[in-house]
C-alpha atoms as a PDB file:
ATOM      1  CA  UNK A   1      -6.920  31.805  11.611  1.00  0.00           C
ATOM      2  CA  UNK A   2      -7.098  31.457   8.014  1.00  0.00           C
ATOM      3  CA  UNK A   3      -4.298  29.849   6.136  1.00  0.00           C
ATOM      4  CA  UNK A   4      -2.102  32.633   4.467  1.00  0.00           C
ATOM      5  CA  UNK A   5      -0.354  29.817   1.810  1.00  0.00           C
ATOM      6  CA  UNK A   6      -3.626  28.008   0.724  1.00  0.00           C
ATOM      7  CA  UNK A   7      -1.709  27.234  -2.847  1.00  0.00           C
ATOM      8  CA  UNK A   8       0.856  25.399  -0.543  1.00  0.00           C
ATOM      9  CA  UNK A   9      -1.476  22.931   1.134  1.00  0.00           C
ATOM     10  CA  UNK A  10      -2.205  20.743  -1.982  1.00  0.00           C
ATOM     11  CA  UNK A  11       1.480  21.326  -3.860  1.00  0.00           C
ATOM     12  CA  UNK A  12       3.573  18.287  -4.270  1.00  0.00           C
ATOM     13  CA  UNK A  13       6.246  19.561  -2.101  1.00  0.00           C
ATOM     14  CA  UNK A  14       6.661  20.389   1.595  1.00  0.00           C
ATOM     15  CA  UNK A  15       6.802  24.126   2.201  1.00  0.00           C
ATOM     16  CA  UNK A  16       7.980  25.985   5.388  1.00  0.00           C
ATOM     17  CA  UNK A  17       7.878  29.665   5.998  1.00  0.00           C
ATOM     18  CA  UNK A  18       9.674  31.730   9.002  1.00  0.00           C
ATOM     19  CA  UNK A  19       9.814  35.426   9.835  1.00  0.00           C
ATOM     20  CA  UNK A  20      12.846  37.604   9.790  1.00  0.00           C
ATOM     21  CA  UNK A  21      13.708  36.218  13.597  1.00  0.00           C
ATOM     22  CA  UNK A  22      13.692  32.589  12.227  1.00  0.00           C
ATOM     23  CA  UNK A  23      10.161  31.996  13.884  1.00  0.00           C
ATOM     24  CA  UNK A  24       8.430  29.145  11.653  1.00  0.00           C
ATOM     25  CA  UNK A  25       5.124  30.877  10.931  1.00  0.00           C
ATOM     26  CA  UNK A  26       3.839  28.071   8.395  1.00  0.00           C
ATOM     27  CA  UNK A  27       4.303  24.395   7.404  1.00  0.00           C
ATOM     28  CA  UNK A  28       1.989  22.518   5.105  1.00  0.00           C
ATOM     29  CA  UNK A  29       1.286  18.919   5.474  1.00  0.00           C
ATOM     30  CA  UNK A  30       4.014  17.424   3.736  1.00  0.00           C
ATOM     31  CA  UNK A  31       6.289  19.372   5.880  1.00  0.00           C
ATOM     32  CA  UNK A  32       4.495  18.859   8.998  1.00  0.00           C
ATOM     33  CA  UNK A  33       4.851  15.079   8.234  1.00  0.00           C
ATOM     34  CA  UNK A  34       8.591  15.217   7.487  1.00  0.00           C
ATOM     35  CA  UNK A  35       9.175  16.685  10.809  1.00  0.00           C
ATOM     36  CA  UNK A  36       6.500  14.854  12.732  1.00  0.00           C
ATOM     37  CA  UNK A  37       8.843  13.245  15.053  1.00  0.00           C
ATOM     38  CA  UNK A  38      10.012  16.984  16.488  1.00  0.00           C
ATOM     39  CA  UNK A  39       6.259  17.640  17.319  1.00  0.00           C
ATOM     40  CA  UNK A  40       4.620  20.779  16.242  1.00  0.00           C
ATOM     41  CA  UNK A  41       7.508  23.323  15.081  1.00  0.00           C
ATOM     42  CA  UNK A  42       5.035  26.283  14.269  1.00  0.00           C
ATOM     43  CA  UNK A  43       6.177  29.161  16.544  1.00  0.00           C
ATOM     44  CA  UNK A  44       9.568  27.508  17.241  1.00  0.00           C
ATOM     45  CA  UNK A  45      12.686  28.995  15.934  1.00  0.00           C
ATOM     46  CA  UNK A  46      14.864  27.602  13.164  1.00  0.00           C
ATOM     47  CA  UNK A  47      17.911  28.608  14.693  1.00  0.00           C
ATOM     48  CA  UNK A  48      17.125  26.030  17.599  1.00  0.00           C
ATOM     49  CA  UNK A  49      17.649  22.996  15.086  1.00  0.00           C
ATOM     50  CA  UNK A  50      20.498  24.067  12.956  1.00  0.00           C
ATOM     51  CA  UNK A  51      24.115  23.850  13.298  1.00  0.00           C
ATOM     52  CA  UNK A  52      26.279  27.185  13.190  1.00  0.00           C
ATOM     53  CA  UNK A  53      27.043  26.676   9.556  1.00  0.00           C
ATOM     54  CA  UNK A  54      23.260  26.494   8.545  1.00  0.00           C
ATOM     55  CA  UNK A  55      22.587  29.128  10.876  1.00  0.00           C
ATOM     56  CA  UNK A  56      24.951  31.615   8.965  1.00  0.00           C
ATOM     57  CA  UNK A  57      23.477  30.701   5.847  1.00  0.00           C
ATOM     58  CA  UNK A  58      20.002  31.577   7.464  1.00  0.00           C
ATOM     59  CA  UNK A  59      21.245  35.163   8.510  1.00  0.00           C
ATOM     60  CA  UNK A  60      22.844  35.673   5.260  1.00  0.00           C
ATOM     61  CA  UNK A  61      19.572  35.057   3.318  1.00  0.00           C
ATOM     62  CA  UNK A  62      17.471  37.280   5.704  1.00  0.00           C
ATOM     63  CA  UNK A  63      20.269  40.170   5.656  1.00  0.00           C
ATOM     64  CA  UNK A  64      20.583  40.097   1.802  1.00  0.00           C
ATOM     65  CA  UNK A  65      17.327  38.331   0.183  1.00  0.00           C
ATOM     66  CA  UNK A  66      19.342  35.904  -0.808  1.00  0.00           C
ATOM     67  CA  UNK A  67      18.614  32.035  -1.988  1.00  0.00           C
ATOM     68  CA  UNK A  68      20.235  28.625  -1.151  1.00  0.00           C
ATOM     69  CA  UNK A  69      19.707  25.524  -3.327  1.00  0.00           C
ATOM     70  CA  UNK A  70      21.046  22.109  -2.985  1.00  0.00           C
ATOM     71  CA  UNK A  71      20.155  18.618  -2.948  1.00  0.00           C
ATOM     72  CA  UNK A  72      20.117  15.597  -0.593  1.00  0.00           C
ATOM     73  CA  UNK A  73      19.767  12.019  -0.300  1.00  0.00           C
ATOM     74  CA  UNK A  74      18.183  10.469   2.875  1.00  0.00           C
ATOM     75  CA  UNK A  75      16.831   6.707   3.255  1.00  0.00           C
ATOM     76  CA  UNK A  76      16.957   6.350  -0.409  1.00  0.00           C
ATOM     77  CA  UNK A  77      15.076   9.370  -1.230  1.00  0.00           C
ATOM     78  CA  UNK A  78      16.725  12.266  -3.081  1.00  0.00           C
ATOM     79  CA  UNK A  79      15.114  15.763  -2.519  1.00  0.00           C
ATOM     80  CA  UNK A  80      15.912  19.194  -4.019  1.00  0.00           C
ATOM     81  CA  UNK A  81      16.034  21.896  -1.283  1.00  0.00           C
ATOM     82  CA  UNK A  82      15.118  25.464  -2.328  1.00  0.00           C
ATOM     83  CA  UNK A  83      15.555  28.206   0.426  1.00  0.00           C
ATOM     84  CA  UNK A  84      14.973  31.892  -0.378  1.00  0.00           C
ATOM     85  CA  UNK A  85      13.651  35.170   1.229  1.00  0.00           C
ATOM     86  CA  UNK A  86      10.173  35.942   0.805  1.00  0.00           C
ATOM     87  CA  UNK A  87       9.619  39.811   0.819  1.00  0.00           C
ATOM     88  CA  UNK A  88       6.461  42.352   0.968  1.00  0.00           C
ATOM     89  CA  UNK A  89       6.861  45.614  -0.941  1.00  0.00           C
ATOM     90  CA  UNK A  90      10.644  44.908  -1.539  1.00  0.00           C
ATOM     91  CA  UNK A  91      11.403  44.273   2.329  1.00  0.00           C
ATOM     92  CA  UNK A  92      12.600  40.826   3.394  1.00  0.00           C
ATOM     93  CA  UNK A  93       9.905  39.499   5.635  1.00  0.00           C
ATOM     94  CA  UNK A  94      11.541  35.825   6.232  1.00  0.00           C
ATOM     95  CA  UNK A  95      12.399  32.564   4.240  1.00  0.00           C
ATOM     96  CA  UNK A  96      10.537  29.885   2.472  1.00  0.00           C
ATOM     97  CA  UNK A  97      12.001  26.420   1.986  1.00  0.00           C
ATOM     98  CA  UNK A  98      10.388  24.028  -0.863  1.00  0.00           C
ATOM     99  CA  UNK A  99      11.688  20.548  -0.480  1.00  0.00           C
ATOM    100  CA  UNK A 100      10.681  18.351  -3.233  1.00  0.00           C
ATOM    101  CA  UNK A 101      11.700  14.631  -4.197  1.00  0.00           C
ATOM    102  CA  UNK A 102      13.247  14.402  -7.431  1.00  0.00           C
ATOM    103  CA  UNK A 103      14.358  10.863  -9.206  1.00  0.00           C
ATOM    104  CA  UNK A 104      17.827   9.489  -9.013  1.00  0.00           C
ATOM    105  CA  UNK A 105      18.316  10.471 -12.841  1.00  0.00           C
ATOM    106  CA  UNK A 106      16.688  13.747 -14.095  1.00  0.00           C
ATOM    107  CA  UNK A 107      16.828  15.069 -17.487  1.00  0.00           C
ATOM    108  CA  UNK A 108      18.580  18.606 -17.692  1.00  0.00           C
ATOM    109  CA  UNK A 109      17.889  20.856 -20.713  1.00  0.00           C
ATOM    110  CA  UNK A 110      19.674  23.659 -22.010  1.00  0.00           C
ATOM    111  CA  UNK A 111      17.271  26.179 -23.855  1.00  0.00           C
ATOM    112  CA  UNK A 112      18.040  29.043 -25.935  1.00  0.00           C
END
């Protein structure tokens, strides 16, 4: 099967895509490497590996077409996690998560 997300393979961040049922459709190499200890997750369901609070957030984003963004630190590496609904012709078709490493201190600019 041809990769429907060719741009994501060489992106400098981890990209994971699921459908409206939470089934993982795609993970780029960075995402696969981040979760390698769990085996091949493509075809598995997001709801199976998240707690109830996270499952609620996933359901909300799928229902509303919403977005969730936050930062984490794991083993000394800081990351920004951006999760948002993806759509086709205005209809929510699933979620995409982009996880990118960020520096401990990062400039913040206010633009007019």
